[in-house]
Amino acid sequence: MTFSIKIIYNSWTYKYYTIHILTFLRQDVDMYAGSFFKFLIIFCISLLFSPFPKQSLSATFPLCADFSIFPPNYSLPNNLAYSGYTFSENDPQGLWSTSSAGTGLQFRNSGFTAKLPTITQNVHVIIGAFATPVRLSAKDAQGSVIFNQTVPADNTMRAVDIDAKEIVSVIGEDGNNEGILQEICFDVTTN
């Protein structure tokens, strides 16, 4: 004997199950007077033969450190842990601060290093140079420079996408003490 039933799940997926019931099971099912019991037994058996598909729980989201949210001239410590990143001055002289315009982290000519919380292949940076050009670079786990770009001193915040294998840190240097890091982001995928 063959029964076919339609099972609806996830409100958008339809799947047909065909179940072959052996003669002895047919006799057991026929002992019940109501068709509800037949349906219930067939439904339970269908779950054994054809399990529901696994749900994907992965998601991608940006992990950003946005310095524009701090008030103007806000003092920040060296080795700042913020949004999973670790920011440090390349020549630690104590405190650094957000810009007087409140647009981001103003760094000294010696620059900053932003250590990422995990290795990635793409980092998005919003950075500006307001006196002299800023040199933006990225390093891998061995300390090798794998990306280099000069941001012109045009008094504008610029978006820079860093595409390289195994980025572990981003470095900004020069700018005559008027380089500003507004934001740094990369995509994180969960499984």
N, C-alpha and C. Protein backbone atom coordinates (compact mmCIF):
# COMPACT_ATOMS: atom_id res chain seq x y z
N MET A 1 0.85 -1.17 0.00
CA MET A 1 0.00 0.00 0.00
C MET A 1 0.89 1.23 0.00
N THR A 2 0.52 2.27 -0.72
CA THR A 2 1.30 3.50 -0.80
C THR A 2 0.42 4.68 -0.43
N PHE A 3 0.91 5.53 0.46
CA PHE A 3 0.22 6.76 0.83
C PHE A 3 1.08 7.93 0.38
N SER A 4 0.48 8.99 -0.07
CA SER A 4 1.20 10.23 -0.37
C SER A 4 0.60 11.33 0.48
N ILE A 5 1.46 12.06 1.15
CA ILE A 5 0.96 13.18 1.94
C ILE A 5 1.78 14.41 1.61
N LYS A 6 1.21 15.57 1.83
CA LYS A 6 1.89 16.85 1.58
C LYS A 6 2.16 17.50 2.94
N ILE A 7 3.42 17.80 3.20
CA ILE A 7 3.80 18.42 4.47
C ILE A 7 4.27 19.83 4.17
N ILE A 8 3.73 20.81 4.88
CA ILE A 8 4.12 22.21 4.68
C ILE A 8 4.94 22.62 5.90
N TYR A 9 6.13 23.21 5.63
CA TYR A 9 6.95 23.70 6.72
C TYR A 9 7.64 24.97 6.28
N ASN A 10 8.05 25.77 7.21
CA ASN A 10 8.71 27.06 7.00
C ASN A 10 7.84 28.05 6.24
N SER A 11 6.58 27.80 6.06
CA SER A 11 5.58 28.63 5.42
C SER A 11 5.88 28.95 3.95
N TRP A 12 6.99 28.53 3.41
CA TRP A 12 7.28 28.79 2.00
C TRP A 12 7.78 27.55 1.25
N THR A 13 8.01 26.48 1.94
CA THR A 13 8.56 25.29 1.31
C THR A 13 7.53 24.17 1.32
N TYR A 14 7.37 23.52 0.20
CA TYR A 14 6.46 22.41 0.07
C TYR A 14 7.26 21.18 -0.33
N LYS A 15 6.98 20.08 0.29
CA LYS A 15 7.70 18.86 -0.06
C LYS A 15 6.72 17.70 -0.02
N TYR A 16 6.84 16.85 -0.99
CA TYR A 16 5.97 15.68 -1.05
C TYR A 16 6.75 14.46 -0.57
N TYR A 17 6.12 13.71 0.28
CA TYR A 17 6.73 12.49 0.78
C TYR A 17 5.86 11.31 0.33
N THR A 18 6.47 10.29 -0.14
CA THR A 18 5.75 9.05 -0.46
C THR A 18 6.27 7.98 0.47
N ILE A 19 5.32 7.32 1.12
CA ILE A 19 5.70 6.35 2.12
C ILE A 19 5.11 5.00 1.74
N HIS A 20 5.94 4.02 1.74
CA HIS A 20 5.49 2.67 1.46
C HIS A 20 5.31 1.95 2.79
N ILE A 21 4.10 1.58 3.07
CA ILE A 21 3.78 0.93 4.32
C ILE A 21 3.71 -0.57 4.08
N LEU A 22 4.40 -1.32 4.90
CA LEU A 22 4.37 -2.77 4.77
C LEU A 22 3.01 -3.32 5.18
N THR A 23 2.73 -4.51 4.77
CA THR A 23 1.42 -5.13 5.00
C THR A 23 1.08 -5.19 6.49
N PHE A 24 2.04 -5.56 7.33
CA PHE A 24 1.73 -5.66 8.77
C PHE A 24 1.39 -4.31 9.36
N LEU A 25 2.02 -3.21 8.88
CA LEU A 25 1.72 -1.88 9.39
C LEU A 25 0.34 -1.44 8.91
N ARG A 26 -0.01 -1.82 7.68
CA ARG A 26 -1.33 -1.49 7.14
C ARG A 26 -2.42 -2.11 8.01
N GLN A 27 -2.19 -3.31 8.44
CA GLN A 27 -3.18 -3.97 9.28
C GLN A 27 -3.32 -3.24 10.61
N ASP A 28 -2.17 -2.78 11.19
CA ASP A 28 -2.23 -2.04 12.45
C ASP A 28 -2.96 -0.72 12.28
N VAL A 29 -2.71 -0.04 11.16
CA VAL A 29 -3.35 1.24 10.92
C VAL A 29 -4.85 1.05 10.72
N ASP A 30 -5.22 0.00 10.02
CA ASP A 30 -6.63 -0.25 9.75
C ASP A 30 -7.41 -0.61 11.02
N MET A 31 -6.72 -0.99 12.08
CA MET A 31 -7.41 -1.31 13.32
C MET A 31 -8.05 -0.06 13.93
N TYR A 32 -7.48 1.11 13.65
CA TYR A 32 -8.04 2.34 14.21
C TYR A 32 -9.22 2.78 13.36
N ALA A 33 -10.25 3.24 14.01
CA ALA A 33 -11.47 3.62 13.28
C ALA A 33 -11.31 4.97 12.60
N GLY A 34 -10.58 5.89 13.23
CA GLY A 34 -10.52 7.24 12.68
C GLY A 34 -9.37 7.45 11.71
N SER A 35 -9.60 8.32 10.76
CA SER A 35 -8.56 8.62 9.77
C SER A 35 -7.46 9.51 10.37
N PHE A 36 -7.77 10.18 11.50
CA PHE A 36 -6.76 11.01 12.15
C PHE A 36 -5.56 10.18 12.60
N PHE A 37 -5.82 9.01 13.16
CA PHE A 37 -4.73 8.16 13.62
C PHE A 37 -3.89 7.67 12.46
N LYS A 38 -4.55 7.38 11.33
CA LYS A 38 -3.81 6.98 10.13
C LYS A 38 -2.86 8.11 9.70
N PHE A 39 -3.41 9.32 9.68
CA PHE A 39 -2.59 10.47 9.28
C PHE A 39 -1.42 10.68 10.24
N LEU A 40 -1.69 10.59 11.53
CA LEU A 40 -0.64 10.81 12.53
C LEU A 40 0.47 9.79 12.40
N ILE A 41 0.15 8.53 12.23
CA ILE A 41 1.18 7.49 12.08
C ILE A 41 1.97 7.71 10.79
N ILE A 42 1.28 8.02 9.71
CA ILE A 42 1.97 8.26 8.43
C ILE A 42 2.88 9.48 8.54
N PHE A 43 2.40 10.52 9.22
CA PHE A 43 3.20 11.73 9.39
C PHE A 43 4.47 11.44 10.19
N CYS A 44 4.35 10.70 11.28
CA CYS A 44 5.51 10.37 12.11
C CYS A 44 6.51 9.52 11.33
N ILE A 45 6.03 8.58 10.55
CA ILE A 45 6.93 7.75 9.75
C ILE A 45 7.62 8.59 8.69
N SER A 46 6.91 9.57 8.12
CA SER A 46 7.53 10.42 7.10
C SER A 46 8.70 11.21 7.67
N LEU A 47 8.59 11.59 8.92
CA LEU A 47 9.70 12.31 9.55
C LEU A 47 10.92 11.43 9.70
N LEU A 48 10.72 10.15 9.92
CA LEU A 48 11.85 9.23 10.05
C LEU A 48 12.58 9.04 8.72
N PHE A 49 11.82 8.94 7.63
CA PHE A 49 12.43 8.66 6.33
C PHE A 49 12.98 9.90 5.64
N SER A 50 12.40 11.06 5.87
CA SER A 50 12.82 12.29 5.18
C SER A 50 12.89 13.43 6.18
N PRO A 51 14.03 13.63 6.80
CA PRO A 51 14.15 14.70 7.79
C PRO A 51 14.07 16.08 7.13
N PHE A 52 13.68 17.05 7.91
CA PHE A 52 13.60 18.42 7.42
C PHE A 52 15.00 18.92 7.09
N PRO A 53 15.14 19.81 6.10
CA PRO A 53 16.46 20.34 5.76
C PRO A 53 17.00 21.22 6.90
N LYS A 54 18.32 21.28 7.00
CA LYS A 54 18.95 22.09 8.03
C LYS A 54 18.77 23.57 7.70
N GLN A 55 18.54 24.35 8.71
CA GLN A 55 18.43 25.79 8.55
C GLN A 55 19.83 26.40 8.59
N SER A 56 20.12 27.30 7.69
CA SER A 56 21.40 27.99 7.69
C SER A 56 21.33 29.14 8.69
N LEU A 57 22.23 29.15 9.64
CA LEU A 57 22.25 30.19 10.65
C LEU A 57 23.40 31.16 10.44
N SER A 58 24.01 31.13 9.25
CA SER A 58 25.12 32.04 9.02
C SER A 58 24.60 33.43 8.68
N ALA A 59 25.39 34.42 9.04
CA ALA A 59 25.03 35.81 8.76
C ALA A 59 26.31 36.61 8.56
N THR A 60 26.21 37.65 7.77
CA THR A 60 27.34 38.55 7.55
C THR A 60 26.93 39.93 8.05
N PHE A 61 27.81 40.55 8.83
CA PHE A 61 27.54 41.88 9.33
C PHE A 61 28.84 42.67 9.41
N PRO A 62 28.77 44.00 9.26
CA PRO A 62 29.99 44.80 9.36
C PRO A 62 30.39 45.01 10.82
N LEU A 63 31.68 44.90 11.09
CA LEU A 63 32.21 45.21 12.42
C LEU A 63 32.99 46.51 12.26
N CYS A 64 32.48 47.58 12.84
CA CYS A 64 33.04 48.92 12.62
C CYS A 64 33.47 49.57 13.93
N ALA A 65 34.49 50.40 13.82
CA ALA A 65 34.88 51.31 14.89
C ALA A 65 34.70 52.71 14.32
N ASP A 66 33.71 53.42 14.82
CA ASP A 66 33.34 54.74 14.30
C ASP A 66 33.73 55.80 15.32
N PHE A 67 34.72 56.62 14.98
CA PHE A 67 35.19 57.65 15.91
C PHE A 67 34.40 58.95 15.81
N SER A 68 33.50 59.05 14.84
CA SER A 68 32.71 60.28 14.72
C SER A 68 31.65 60.39 15.82
N ILE A 69 31.43 59.31 16.56
CA ILE A 69 30.43 59.37 17.63
C ILE A 69 30.97 60.02 18.90
N PHE A 70 32.30 60.18 19.00
CA PHE A 70 32.89 60.82 20.18
C PHE A 70 32.78 62.35 20.05
N PRO A 71 32.66 63.05 21.16
CA PRO A 71 32.59 64.52 21.09
C PRO A 71 33.94 65.11 20.68
N PRO A 72 33.95 66.35 20.18
CA PRO A 72 35.21 67.00 19.78
C PRO A 72 36.20 67.07 20.94
N ASN A 73 37.48 66.93 20.61
CA ASN A 73 38.60 67.04 21.56
C ASN A 73 38.50 66.04 22.72
N TYR A 74 37.93 64.90 22.47
CA TYR A 74 37.78 63.87 23.49
C TYR A 74 39.09 63.09 23.60
N SER A 75 39.69 63.04 24.78
CA SER A 75 40.96 62.35 24.98
C SER A 75 40.77 60.85 25.04
N LEU A 76 41.63 60.13 24.34
CA LEU A 76 41.58 58.67 24.31
C LEU A 76 42.93 58.09 24.72
N PRO A 77 42.96 56.99 25.43
CA PRO A 77 44.23 56.39 25.85
C PRO A 77 44.90 55.64 24.71
N ASN A 78 46.22 55.51 24.82
CA ASN A 78 46.94 54.66 23.88
C ASN A 78 46.53 53.21 24.16
N ASN A 79 46.67 52.32 23.18
CA ASN A 79 46.21 50.93 23.29
C ASN A 79 44.72 50.87 23.62
N LEU A 80 43.95 51.63 22.86
CA LEU A 80 42.51 51.70 23.03
C LEU A 80 41.85 50.48 22.41
N ALA A 81 41.07 49.75 23.20
CA ALA A 81 40.26 48.63 22.70
C ALA A 81 38.87 49.19 22.43
N TYR A 82 38.44 49.10 21.17
CA TYR A 82 37.17 49.69 20.77
C TYR A 82 36.57 48.86 19.64
N SER A 83 35.38 48.36 19.84
CA SER A 83 34.64 47.56 18.85
C SER A 83 35.40 46.32 18.40
N GLY A 84 36.19 45.75 19.27
CA GLY A 84 36.96 44.56 18.94
C GLY A 84 38.34 44.85 18.37
N TYR A 85 38.58 46.07 17.95
CA TYR A 85 39.88 46.49 17.41
C TYR A 85 40.76 46.96 18.57
N THR A 86 42.07 47.00 18.34
CA THR A 86 43.00 47.62 19.29
C THR A 86 43.74 48.72 18.54
N PHE A 87 43.60 49.95 19.00
CA PHE A 87 44.24 51.10 18.37
C PHE A 87 45.40 51.56 19.23
N SER A 88 46.53 51.81 18.60
CA SER A 88 47.68 52.31 19.34
C SER A 88 48.44 53.32 18.49
N GLU A 89 49.09 54.23 19.18
CA GLU A 89 49.94 55.21 18.48
C GLU A 89 51.26 54.53 18.15
N ASN A 90 51.80 54.85 16.99
CA ASN A 90 53.08 54.25 16.59
C ASN A 90 54.24 54.81 17.40
N ASP A 91 54.10 56.01 17.94
CA ASP A 91 55.10 56.61 18.82
C ASP A 91 54.35 57.07 20.07
N PRO A 92 54.13 56.15 21.01
CA PRO A 92 53.25 56.47 22.15
C PRO A 92 53.77 57.64 22.98
N GLN A 93 53.01 58.71 22.94
CA GLN A 93 53.35 59.89 23.72
C GLN A 93 52.25 60.20 24.73
N GLY A 94 51.46 59.20 25.02
CA GLY A 94 50.38 59.44 25.98
C GLY A 94 49.04 59.45 25.28
N LEU A 95 48.27 60.50 25.52
CA LEU A 95 46.91 60.56 25.02
C LEU A 95 46.85 61.12 23.60
N TRP A 96 45.85 60.69 22.86
CA TRP A 96 45.49 61.29 21.59
C TRP A 96 44.02 61.63 21.68
N SER A 97 43.47 62.31 20.69
CA SER A 97 42.10 62.77 20.85
C SER A 97 41.35 62.79 19.53
N THR A 98 40.05 63.00 19.67
CA THR A 98 39.24 63.21 18.48
C THR A 98 39.50 64.63 17.99
N SER A 99 39.16 64.87 16.74
CA SER A 99 39.44 66.18 16.15
C SER A 99 38.54 67.25 16.75
N SER A 100 38.97 68.50 16.62
CA SER A 100 38.18 69.61 17.16
C SER A 100 36.86 69.75 16.41
N ALA A 101 36.82 69.27 15.17
CA ALA A 101 35.57 69.30 14.40
C ALA A 101 34.67 68.12 14.75
N GLY A 102 35.20 67.16 15.50
CA GLY A 102 34.41 66.01 15.92
C GLY A 102 34.17 65.00 14.82
N THR A 103 35.05 64.96 13.83
CA THR A 103 34.85 64.06 12.70
C THR A 103 35.57 62.73 12.83
N GLY A 104 36.45 62.57 13.80
CA GLY A 104 37.15 61.30 13.95
C GLY A 104 38.36 61.39 14.85
N LEU A 105 39.17 60.34 14.82
CA LEU A 105 40.38 60.24 15.64
C LEU A 105 41.52 60.98 14.94
N GLN A 106 42.00 62.05 15.55
CA GLN A 106 43.12 62.81 14.98
C GLN A 106 44.41 62.19 15.49
N PHE A 107 45.29 61.80 14.56
CA PHE A 107 46.52 61.13 14.95
C PHE A 107 47.75 61.98 14.62
N ARG A 108 48.81 61.72 15.39
CA ARG A 108 50.07 62.44 15.20
C ARG A 108 50.76 61.97 13.92
N ASN A 109 51.79 62.67 13.54
CA ASN A 109 52.55 62.35 12.33
C ASN A 109 53.11 60.93 12.37
N SER A 110 53.45 60.44 13.57
CA SER A 110 53.97 59.07 13.70
C SER A 110 52.91 58.03 13.35
N GLY A 111 51.65 58.39 13.45
CA GLY A 111 50.57 57.53 12.98
C GLY A 111 49.95 56.63 14.03
N PHE A 112 49.12 55.73 13.54
CA PHE A 112 48.39 54.79 14.39
C PHE A 112 48.46 53.40 13.76
N THR A 113 48.21 52.41 14.59
CA THR A 113 48.04 51.03 14.12
C THR A 113 46.71 50.53 14.66
N ALA A 114 45.89 50.00 13.76
CA ALA A 114 44.62 49.40 14.16
C ALA A 114 44.74 47.90 13.95
N LYS A 115 44.79 47.15 15.05
CA LYS A 115 44.88 45.69 14.97
C LYS A 115 43.46 45.15 14.90
N LEU A 116 43.20 44.35 13.85
CA LEU A 116 41.86 43.81 13.64
C LEU A 116 41.60 42.64 14.60
N PRO A 117 40.34 42.40 14.96
CA PRO A 117 40.04 41.29 15.86
C PRO A 117 40.22 39.92 15.22
N THR A 118 40.23 39.86 13.89
CA THR A 118 40.43 38.61 13.17
C THR A 118 41.01 38.91 11.80
N ILE A 119 41.56 37.91 11.15
CA ILE A 119 42.14 38.08 9.82
C ILE A 119 41.02 38.27 8.80
N THR A 120 41.21 39.16 7.85
CA THR A 120 40.22 39.41 6.81
C THR A 120 40.92 39.73 5.48
N GLN A 121 40.12 39.84 4.43
CA GLN A 121 40.67 40.14 3.10
C GLN A 121 40.21 41.50 2.59
N ASN A 122 39.30 42.17 3.30
CA ASN A 122 38.82 43.47 2.86
C ASN A 122 38.52 44.33 4.07
N VAL A 123 39.09 45.52 4.06
CA VAL A 123 38.84 46.48 5.14
C VAL A 123 38.42 47.80 4.49
N HIS A 124 37.40 48.42 5.05
CA HIS A 124 36.90 49.70 4.55
C HIS A 124 37.30 50.78 5.57
N VAL A 125 37.97 51.81 5.10
CA VAL A 125 38.46 52.87 5.98
C VAL A 125 37.94 54.22 5.47
N ILE A 126 37.49 55.06 6.38
CA ILE A 126 37.18 56.46 6.03
C ILE A 126 38.22 57.29 6.75
N ILE A 127 39.03 58.00 5.97
CA ILE A 127 40.19 58.72 6.50
C ILE A 127 40.35 60.04 5.76
N GLY A 128 40.94 61.02 6.42
CA GLY A 128 41.16 62.31 5.80
C GLY A 128 42.54 62.86 6.13
N ALA A 129 43.07 63.67 5.22
CA ALA A 129 44.35 64.34 5.41
C ALA A 129 44.10 65.85 5.28
N PHE A 130 44.45 66.60 6.31
CA PHE A 130 44.10 68.02 6.35
C PHE A 130 45.32 68.93 6.40
N ALA A 131 46.53 68.41 6.25
CA ALA A 131 47.74 69.24 6.19
C ALA A 131 48.66 68.70 5.10
N THR A 132 49.13 67.48 5.28
CA THR A 132 49.95 66.79 4.27
C THR A 132 49.35 65.41 4.03
N PRO A 133 49.71 64.75 2.94
CA PRO A 133 49.13 63.44 2.65
C PRO A 133 49.36 62.42 3.78
N VAL A 134 48.43 61.48 3.88
CA VAL A 134 48.51 60.39 4.84
C VAL A 134 48.83 59.11 4.08
N ARG A 135 49.75 58.33 4.62
CA ARG A 135 50.10 57.04 4.03
C ARG A 135 49.34 55.96 4.77
N LEU A 136 48.52 55.23 4.02
CA LEU A 136 47.71 54.16 4.59
C LEU A 136 48.26 52.83 4.11
N SER A 137 48.48 51.90 5.03
CA SER A 137 49.01 50.59 4.65
C SER A 137 48.35 49.50 5.49
N ALA A 138 48.56 48.26 5.05
CA ALA A 138 48.05 47.10 5.78
C ALA A 138 49.15 46.06 5.86
N LYS A 139 49.14 45.29 6.96
CA LYS A 139 50.15 44.25 7.16
C LYS A 139 49.48 42.91 7.41
N ASP A 140 50.23 41.84 7.08
CA ASP A 140 49.76 40.49 7.37
C ASP A 140 50.35 40.00 8.68
N ALA A 141 50.11 38.76 9.04
CA ALA A 141 50.56 38.21 10.32
C ALA A 141 52.08 38.17 10.45
N GLN A 142 52.80 38.11 9.32
CA GLN A 142 54.27 38.09 9.36
C GLN A 142 54.86 39.50 9.44
N GLY A 143 54.00 40.53 9.39
CA GLY A 143 54.47 41.91 9.44
C GLY A 143 54.83 42.48 8.09
N SER A 144 54.55 41.75 7.03
CA SER A 144 54.84 42.23 5.67
C SER A 144 53.76 43.21 5.24
N VAL A 145 54.19 44.29 4.58
CA VAL A 145 53.23 45.26 4.04
C VAL A 145 52.58 44.65 2.81
N ILE A 146 51.25 44.56 2.83
CA ILE A 146 50.52 43.93 1.72
C ILE A 146 49.60 44.92 1.00
N PHE A 147 49.58 46.17 1.49
CA PHE A 147 48.78 47.23 0.85
C PHE A 147 49.41 48.56 1.19
N ASN A 148 49.44 49.47 0.22
CA ASN A 148 49.95 50.82 0.41
C ASN A 148 49.16 51.79 -0.44
N GLN A 149 48.73 52.89 0.14
CA GLN A 149 48.05 53.93 -0.63
C GLN A 149 48.26 55.26 0.06
N THR A 150 48.43 56.32 -0.73
CA THR A 150 48.57 57.66 -0.19
C THR A 150 47.24 58.39 -0.33
N VAL A 151 46.77 58.94 0.77
CA VAL A 151 45.54 59.73 0.79
C VAL A 151 45.95 61.19 0.64
N PRO A 152 45.49 61.86 -0.43
CA PRO A 152 45.91 63.25 -0.66
C PRO A 152 45.39 64.21 0.41
N ALA A 153 46.15 65.28 0.63
CA ALA A 153 45.77 66.30 1.60
C ALA A 153 44.83 67.29 0.92
N ASP A 154 43.56 66.94 0.86
CA ASP A 154 42.60 67.81 0.18
C ASP A 154 41.46 68.22 1.12
N ASN A 155 41.68 68.11 2.41
CA ASN A 155 40.70 68.51 3.43
C ASN A 155 39.34 67.83 3.26
N THR A 156 39.38 66.55 2.86
CA THR A 156 38.17 65.78 2.62
C THR A 156 38.32 64.39 3.23
N MET A 157 37.24 63.89 3.79
CA MET A 157 37.24 62.51 4.24
C MET A 157 37.05 61.62 3.01
N ARG A 158 37.85 60.57 2.91
CA ARG A 158 37.80 59.66 1.76
C ARG A 158 37.56 58.24 2.21
N ALA A 159 36.82 57.50 1.40
CA ALA A 159 36.62 56.07 1.64
C ALA A 159 37.69 55.31 0.88
N VAL A 160 38.40 54.44 1.58
CA VAL A 160 39.45 53.62 0.98
C VAL A 160 39.13 52.16 1.29
N ASP A 161 39.08 51.35 0.23
CA ASP A 161 38.89 49.91 0.40
C ASP A 161 40.24 49.22 0.27
N ILE A 162 40.61 48.48 1.29
CA ILE A 162 41.86 47.74 1.30
C ILE A 162 41.54 46.29 0.98
N ASP A 163 42.01 45.82 -0.17
CA ASP A 163 41.79 44.44 -0.59
C ASP A 163 43.14 43.74 -0.64
N ALA A 164 43.34 42.78 0.23
CA ALA A 164 44.60 42.02 0.29
C ALA A 164 44.34 40.75 1.09
N LYS A 165 45.20 39.77 0.90
CA LYS A 165 45.05 38.52 1.65
C LYS A 165 45.56 38.68 3.08
N GLU A 166 44.83 38.11 3.99
CA GLU A 166 45.24 37.98 5.39
C GLU A 166 45.65 39.29 6.06
N ILE A 167 44.77 40.28 6.04
CA ILE A 167 45.02 41.57 6.70
C ILE A 167 44.84 41.37 8.21
N VAL A 168 45.85 41.75 8.99
CA VAL A 168 45.72 41.69 10.45
C VAL A 168 45.78 43.08 11.08
N SER A 169 46.35 44.06 10.36
CA SER A 169 46.42 45.41 10.91
C SER A 169 46.43 46.45 9.80
N VAL A 170 45.94 47.64 10.14
CA VAL A 170 45.93 48.79 9.23
C VAL A 170 46.71 49.90 9.91
N ILE A 171 47.57 50.56 9.13
CA ILE A 171 48.45 51.60 9.67
C ILE A 171 48.21 52.89 8.91
N GLY A 172 48.07 53.99 9.63
CA GLY A 172 47.99 55.32 9.04
C GLY A 172 49.15 56.14 9.55
N GLU A 173 49.90 56.80 8.65
CA GLU A 173 51.08 57.59 9.05
C GLU A 173 51.12 58.91 8.30
N ASP A 174 51.93 59.82 8.82
CA ASP A 174 52.15 61.16 8.27
C ASP A 174 50.91 62.02 8.47
N GLY A 175 50.70 63.00 7.62
CA GLY A 175 49.56 63.89 7.77
C GLY A 175 49.85 65.14 8.58
N ASN A 176 51.11 65.32 9.02
CA ASN A 176 51.53 66.50 9.78
C ASN A 176 50.61 66.77 10.99
N ASN A 177 50.33 65.72 11.74
CA ASN A 177 49.49 65.78 12.94
C ASN A 177 48.04 66.15 12.66
N GLU A 178 47.62 66.11 11.38
CA GLU A 178 46.24 66.45 11.04
C GLU A 178 45.60 65.37 10.17
N GLY A 179 46.03 64.14 10.37
CA GLY A 179 45.34 63.02 9.75
C GLY A 179 44.20 62.60 10.65
N ILE A 180 43.07 62.23 10.05
CA ILE A 180 41.90 61.87 10.85
C ILE A 180 41.32 60.55 10.37
N LEU A 181 41.21 59.60 11.29
CA LEU A 181 40.55 58.33 11.03
C LEU A 181 39.11 58.45 11.54
N GLN A 182 38.17 58.37 10.61
CA GLN A 182 36.77 58.48 11.01
C GLN A 182 36.16 57.11 11.32
N GLU A 183 36.47 56.13 10.45
CA GLU A 183 35.83 54.82 10.62
C GLU A 183 36.68 53.74 9.97
N ILE A 184 36.64 52.55 10.57
CA ILE A 184 37.27 51.38 9.98
C ILE A 184 36.29 50.21 10.16
N CYS A 185 36.09 49.44 9.08
CA CYS A 185 35.10 48.34 9.10
C CYS A 185 35.61 47.15 8.29
N PHE A 186 35.11 45.99 8.63
CA PHE A 186 35.25 44.82 7.77
C PHE A 186 34.07 43.90 8.06
N ASP A 187 33.77 43.03 7.09
CA ASP A 187 32.63 42.13 7.23
C ASP A 187 33.02 40.87 7.98
N VAL A 188 32.17 40.48 8.92
CA VAL A 188 32.34 39.27 9.69
C VAL A 188 31.22 38.31 9.30
N THR A 189 31.58 37.06 9.02
CA THR A 189 30.58 36.06 8.68
C THR A 189 30.55 35.01 9.79
N THR A 190 29.37 34.74 10.29
CA THR A 190 29.20 33.73 11.32
C THR A 190 28.68 32.45 10.68
N ASN A 191 29.00 31.33 11.26
CA ASN A 191 28.52 30.04 10.75
C ASN A 191 27.58 29.39 11.72
